[in-house]
Amino acid sequence: MTTSRYAGQATVTTPQDDGTTRALGVPRIAPALPEALRYTARAGDRLDLLAGTVLGDSTGWWRIADTNPWQDALTDTEPGTTIGMPNG
């Protein structure tokens, strides 16, 4: 079973213009990855497609997204871009 990408995520409270406050998730920063967990993108690669190939489940795209917070999951990745793959 895959857990939510937001499970256990820390939050911060931020003031809103109307005087209320809102809890927001603290951005996560991915650690440096060993060379073995890197993939060089090819034409047509998207995170959901890579998740299907690498993880065996395209709905696990968010695990790759967590490792690469700069990447849009549904947009083709620029060929030659290094993408980190989750370990485990």
C-alpha atoms as a PDB file:
ATOM      1  CA  MET A   1       0.000   0.000   0.000  1.00  0.00           C
ATOM      2  CA  THR A   2       1.343   3.429  -0.958  1.00  0.00           C
ATOM      3  CA  THR A   3       0.891   6.198   1.587  1.00  0.00           C
ATOM      4  CA  SER A   4      -0.016   9.770   0.806  1.00  0.00           C
ATOM      5  CA  ARG A   5       2.880  11.991  -0.228  1.00  0.00           C
ATOM      6  CA  TYR A   6       1.721  14.375   2.512  1.00  0.00           C
ATOM      7  CA  ALA A   7       1.720  11.839   5.358  1.00  0.00           C
ATOM      8  CA  GLY A   8       3.773  13.141   8.260  1.00  0.00           C
ATOM      9  CA  GLN A   9       4.646  16.388   6.499  1.00  0.00           C
ATOM     10  CA  ALA A  10       5.365  19.310   8.816  1.00  0.00           C
ATOM     11  CA  THR A  11       3.127  22.383   8.558  1.00  0.00           C
ATOM     12  CA  VAL A  12       3.488  26.080   9.215  1.00  0.00           C
ATOM     13  CA  THR A  13       0.697  28.536   9.983  1.00  0.00           C
ATOM     14  CA  THR A  14       0.560  31.583   7.731  1.00  0.00           C
ATOM     15  CA  PRO A  15      -1.607  34.695   8.120  1.00  0.00           C
ATOM     16  CA  GLN A  16      -4.121  35.447   5.376  1.00  0.00           C
ATOM     17  CA  ASP A  17      -5.278  38.859   4.091  1.00  0.00           C
ATOM     18  CA  ASP A  18      -8.691  38.403   5.736  1.00  0.00           C
ATOM     19  CA  GLY A  19      -7.139  38.014   9.224  1.00  0.00           C
ATOM     20  CA  THR A  20      -7.465  34.233   9.401  1.00  0.00           C
ATOM     21  CA  THR A  21      -4.579  31.775   9.402  1.00  0.00           C
ATOM     22  CA  ARG A  22      -3.953  28.799   7.191  1.00  0.00           C
ATOM     23  CA  ALA A  23      -1.806  25.701   7.727  1.00  0.00           C
ATOM     24  CA  LEU A  24       0.525  24.999   4.815  1.00  0.00           C
ATOM     25  CA  GLY A  25       2.896  22.122   4.246  1.00  0.00           C
ATOM     26  CA  VAL A  26       6.577  22.859   4.677  1.00  0.00           C
ATOM     27  CA  PRO A  27       8.375  22.261   1.361  1.00  0.00           C
ATOM     28  CA  ARG A  28      10.481  19.126   1.369  1.00  0.00           C
ATOM     29  CA  ILE A  29      14.019  19.172   0.039  1.00  0.00           C
ATOM     30  CA  ALA A  30      15.332  15.980  -1.475  1.00  0.00           C
ATOM     31  CA  PRO A  31      18.722  14.757  -0.230  1.00  0.00           C
ATOM     32  CA  ALA A  32      21.626  14.310  -2.618  1.00  0.00           C
ATOM     33  CA  LEU A  33      21.291  11.054  -4.505  1.00  0.00           C
ATOM     34  CA  PRO A  34      23.940   8.420  -5.173  1.00  0.00           C
ATOM     35  CA  GLU A  35      24.843   8.063  -8.843  1.00  0.00           C
ATOM     36  CA  ALA A  36      23.023   4.699  -9.040  1.00  0.00           C
ATOM     37  CA  LEU A  37      19.682   6.391  -8.378  1.00  0.00           C
ATOM     38  CA  ARG A  38      19.926   8.868 -11.251  1.00  0.00           C
ATOM     39  CA  TYR A  39      18.240   8.566 -14.627  1.00  0.00           C
ATOM     40  CA  THR A  40      18.973  10.657 -17.727  1.00  0.00           C
ATOM     41  CA  ALA A  41      15.733  11.688 -19.419  1.00  0.00           C
ATOM     42  CA  ARG A  42      15.030  10.827 -23.035  1.00  0.00           C
ATOM     43  CA  ALA A  43      12.513  12.415 -25.411  1.00  0.00           C
ATOM     44  CA  GLY A  44       8.931  11.798 -24.259  1.00  0.00           C
ATOM     45  CA  ASP A  45       9.790  10.890 -20.654  1.00  0.00           C
ATOM     46  CA  ARG A  46       7.247  11.984 -18.025  1.00  0.00           C
ATOM     47  CA  LEU A  47       7.259  11.201 -14.324  1.00  0.00           C
ATOM     48  CA  ASP A  48       4.051   9.154 -14.501  1.00  0.00           C
ATOM     49  CA  LEU A  49       5.451   7.048 -17.336  1.00  0.00           C
ATOM     50  CA  LEU A  50       8.772   6.578 -15.549  1.00  0.00           C
ATOM     51  CA  ALA A  51       6.930   5.524 -12.379  1.00  0.00           C
ATOM     52  CA  GLY A  52       5.109   2.862 -14.370  1.00  0.00           C
ATOM     53  CA  THR A  53       8.388   1.565 -15.780  1.00  0.00           C
ATOM     54  CA  VAL A  54      10.710   1.975 -12.793  1.00  0.00           C
ATOM     55  CA  LEU A  55       8.322   1.507  -9.862  1.00  0.00           C
ATOM     56  CA  GLY A  56       5.769  -0.720 -11.581  1.00  0.00           C
ATOM     57  CA  ASP A  57       2.920   1.693 -10.788  1.00  0.00           C
ATOM     58  CA  SER A  58       2.280   4.927 -12.706  1.00  0.00           C
ATOM     59  CA  THR A  59       0.279   6.332  -9.771  1.00  0.00           C
ATOM     60  CA  GLY A  60       3.542   6.375  -7.808  1.00  0.00           C
ATOM     61  CA  TRP A  61       4.734   9.352  -9.899  1.00  0.00           C
ATOM     62  CA  TRP A  62       4.595  11.483  -6.723  1.00  0.00           C
ATOM     63  CA  ARG A  63       7.462   9.449  -5.235  1.00  0.00           C
ATOM     64  CA  ILE A  64       9.648  10.569  -8.139  1.00  0.00           C
ATOM     65  CA  ALA A  65       8.208  14.103  -7.830  1.00  0.00           C
ATOM     66  CA  ASP A  66       9.211  14.207  -4.148  1.00  0.00           C
ATOM     67  CA  THR A  67      12.747  13.330  -5.197  1.00  0.00           C
ATOM     68  CA  ASN A  68      12.660  16.028  -7.916  1.00  0.00           C
ATOM     69  CA  PRO A  69      10.583  18.953  -6.564  1.00  0.00           C
ATOM     70  CA  TRP A  70      11.404  21.111  -9.608  1.00  0.00           C
ATOM     71  CA  GLN A  71       9.768  18.672 -12.070  1.00  0.00           C
ATOM     72  CA  ASP A  72       6.150  18.865 -13.293  1.00  0.00           C
ATOM     73  CA  ALA A  73       4.784  15.318 -13.322  1.00  0.00           C
ATOM     74  CA  LEU A  74       2.678  15.598 -16.464  1.00  0.00           C
ATOM     75  CA  THR A  75       5.043  17.592 -18.661  1.00  0.00           C
ATOM     76  CA  ASP A  76       7.629  15.936 -20.860  1.00  0.00           C
ATOM     77  CA  THR A  77      11.059  16.129 -19.287  1.00  0.00           C
ATOM     78  CA  GLU A  78      13.776  17.864 -21.299  1.00  0.00           C
ATOM     79  CA  PRO A  79      16.034  15.177 -22.802  1.00  0.00           C
ATOM     80  CA  GLY A  80      19.365  15.019 -20.979  1.00  0.00           C
ATOM     81  CA  THR A  81      17.884  16.176 -17.651  1.00  0.00           C
ATOM     82  CA  THR A  82      19.063  14.115 -14.681  1.00  0.00           C
ATOM     83  CA  ILE A  83      16.128  12.719 -12.702  1.00  0.00           C
ATOM     84  CA  GLY A  84      16.570  11.196  -9.266  1.00  0.00           C
ATOM     85  CA  MET A  85      14.747   7.930  -8.604  1.00  0.00           C
ATOM     86  CA  PRO A  86      13.386   7.020  -5.171  1.00  0.00           C
ATOM     87  CA  ASN A  87      15.260   4.295  -3.363  1.00  0.00           C
ATOM     88  CA  GLY A  88      12.838   1.691  -2.126  1.00  0.00           C
END
